Protein backbone atom coordinates (compact mmCIF):
# COMPACT_ATOMS: atom_id res chain seq x y z
CA UNK A 1 -50.84 2.80 15.35
CA UNK A 2 -50.21 -0.85 14.71
CA UNK A 3 -47.65 -2.83 16.62
CA UNK A 4 -45.56 -3.29 13.46
CA UNK A 5 -45.37 0.48 12.84
CA UNK A 6 -44.49 1.12 16.49
CA UNK A 7 -41.64 -1.43 16.32
CA UNK A 8 -40.40 0.09 13.05
CA UNK A 9 -40.30 3.58 14.61
CA UNK A 10 -38.42 2.24 17.67
CA UNK A 11 -35.86 0.49 15.45
CA UNK A 12 -35.39 3.62 13.31
CA UNK A 13 -34.95 5.82 16.38
CA UNK A 14 -32.49 3.35 17.90
CA UNK A 15 -30.50 3.30 14.64
CA UNK A 16 -30.32 7.13 14.60
CA UNK A 17 -29.13 7.20 18.22
CA UNK A 18 -26.46 4.56 17.55
CA UNK A 19 -25.20 6.42 14.47
CA UNK A 20 -25.07 9.68 16.42
CA UNK A 21 -23.15 8.06 19.29
CA UNK A 22 -20.70 6.45 16.87
CA UNK A 23 -20.08 9.85 15.26
CA UNK A 24 -19.40 11.41 18.65
CA UNK A 25 -17.01 8.58 19.58
CA UNK A 26 -15.18 8.93 16.25
CA UNK A 27 -14.67 12.63 16.91
CA UNK A 28 -13.18 11.86 20.32
CA UNK A 29 -10.65 9.39 18.91
CA UNK A 30 -6.92 9.81 18.37
CA UNK A 31 -7.52 12.29 15.55
CA UNK A 32 -9.38 14.67 17.79
CA UNK A 33 -6.83 15.26 20.52
CA UNK A 34 -6.81 12.00 22.46
CA UNK A 35 -3.71 11.81 24.60
CA UNK A 36 -1.44 8.85 23.95
CA UNK A 37 -0.61 6.66 26.96
CA UNK A 38 2.93 6.00 28.18
CA UNK A 39 2.73 2.42 26.90
CA UNK A 40 1.67 3.66 23.45
CA UNK A 41 4.52 6.22 23.46
CA UNK A 42 7.00 3.39 24.14
CA UNK A 43 5.43 1.37 21.32
CA UNK A 44 5.74 4.32 18.92
CA UNK A 45 9.33 5.11 19.90
CA UNK A 46 10.28 1.46 19.33
CA UNK A 47 9.34 1.97 15.68
CA UNK A 48 12.47 2.92 13.67
CA UNK A 49 10.40 5.43 11.67
CA UNK A 50 9.69 7.55 14.75
CA UNK A 51 12.21 10.10 15.93
CA UNK A 52 10.25 11.16 19.01
CA UNK A 53 6.76 10.67 20.44
CA UNK A 54 4.88 12.50 23.16
CA UNK A 55 1.32 12.40 24.44
CA UNK A 56 0.20 14.88 21.79
CA UNK A 57 2.51 14.46 18.80
CA UNK A 58 4.69 12.10 16.81
CA UNK A 59 7.88 13.24 15.09
CA UNK A 60 8.69 10.98 12.15
CA UNK A 61 12.22 10.44 10.82
CA UNK A 62 13.13 12.44 7.71
CA UNK A 63 13.97 9.25 5.82
CA UNK A 64 10.50 7.84 6.54
CA UNK A 65 8.92 11.04 5.19
CA UNK A 66 10.91 10.76 1.95
CA UNK A 67 10.17 7.04 1.63
CA UNK A 68 6.46 7.71 2.28
CA UNK A 69 6.36 10.35 -0.47
CA UNK A 70 8.08 7.98 -2.91
CA UNK A 71 5.68 5.14 -2.03
CA UNK A 72 2.72 7.48 -2.45
CA UNK A 73 3.97 8.49 -5.90
CA UNK A 74 4.19 4.80 -6.78
CA UNK A 75 0.49 4.43 -6.01
CA UNK A 76 0.28 3.25 -2.40
CA UNK A 77 -2.35 4.82 -0.18
CA UNK A 78 -1.31 6.71 2.97
CA UNK A 79 -2.93 3.98 5.11
CA UNK A 80 -0.95 1.23 3.32
CA UNK A 81 2.30 3.16 3.79
CA UNK A 82 1.80 3.55 7.54
CA UNK A 83 0.59 -0.03 8.06
CA UNK A 84 3.60 -1.42 6.15
CA UNK A 85 5.83 0.77 8.34
CA UNK A 86 4.43 -1.09 11.40
CA UNK A 87 2.30 1.74 12.81
CA UNK A 88 -0.68 0.82 14.94
CA UNK A 89 -3.51 2.80 13.33
CA UNK A 90 -5.58 2.60 16.52
CA UNK A 91 -2.81 4.49 18.32
CA UNK A 92 -1.94 7.15 15.73
CA UNK A 93 -5.49 7.59 14.46
CA UNK A 94 -7.20 6.77 11.18
CA UNK A 95 -6.80 10.25 9.70
CA UNK A 96 -3.15 10.72 10.64
CA UNK A 97 -1.64 8.92 7.61
CA UNK A 98 -3.64 10.99 5.13
CA UNK A 99 -3.03 14.29 6.94
CA UNK A 100 0.69 13.62 7.34
CA UNK A 101 1.13 12.73 3.67
CA UNK A 102 -0.77 15.90 2.69
CA UNK A 103 1.64 18.03 4.75
CA UNK A 104 4.71 16.23 3.47
CA UNK A 105 3.56 16.42 -0.16
CA UNK A 106 3.16 20.19 0.20
CA UNK A 107 6.68 20.53 1.63
CA UNK A 108 8.05 18.20 -1.05
CA UNK A 109 6.36 20.20 -3.83
CA UNK A 110 7.78 23.47 -2.48
CA UNK A 111 11.27 22.49 -1.27
CA UNK A 112 11.77 18.98 -2.77
CA UNK A 113 13.61 16.31 -0.77
CA UNK A 114 15.85 18.65 1.29
CA UNK A 115 12.68 20.26 2.68
CA UNK A 116 11.71 16.94 4.24
CA UNK A 117 15.22 16.16 5.48
CA UNK A 118 15.64 19.33 7.55
CA UNK A 119 13.43 20.81 10.24
CA UNK A 120 11.49 23.68 8.68
CA UNK A 121 9.33 24.88 11.58
CA UNK A 122 9.72 28.62 12.01
CA UNK A 123 11.79 29.10 8.88
CA UNK A 124 10.51 31.79 6.57
CA UNK A 125 8.34 33.26 9.27
CA UNK A 126 8.39 37.04 9.40
CA UNK A 127 7.41 37.00 13.04
CA UNK A 128 5.68 39.79 14.86
CA UNK A 129 5.95 43.16 13.26
CA UNK A 130 8.28 45.47 15.15
CA UNK A 131 6.74 48.63 16.61
CA UNK A 132 9.83 50.60 15.57
CA UNK A 133 8.88 50.04 11.92
CA UNK A 134 5.56 51.85 12.30
CA UNK A 135 5.29 55.31 10.83
CA UNK A 136 4.12 58.23 12.95
CA UNK A 137 0.64 58.12 11.39
CA UNK A 138 0.39 54.38 12.08
CA UNK A 139 1.40 54.97 15.72
CA UNK A 140 -1.37 57.54 16.04
CA UNK A 141 -3.95 55.17 14.52
CA UNK A 142 -2.79 52.39 16.85
CA UNK A 143 -3.02 54.63 19.91
CA UNK A 144 -6.48 55.89 18.96
CA UNK A 145 -7.96 52.41 18.64
């Protein structure tokens, strides 16, 4: 093997390792469960578009959600919307704007603007099925398994 081929193989292998490491680091970023520091929480809560922030989640104001949907419909990208609203993308994560807009667009399509203005978590959930609603035959099947 010539020296030139050996160097080429080393460079290729090094490139593969660097790409792999970068992929691993990207997966460990803010989008993959990184906890936000206390300083970053204070920075987020200073933003008027944030209702509440914790180490694991950010609760945006209803008015920001509506404004974001309207801006998106006017042609702005999710990233542009969040950057113009003074969010630090390194803190919230690169995928957060897109994922948030996807959720909000679904709510907006189903419930329109009032769906974004009120808290909807848990609404419409049937919850756990009550055991009193089971028929006798279903009780027997449940007990047998």
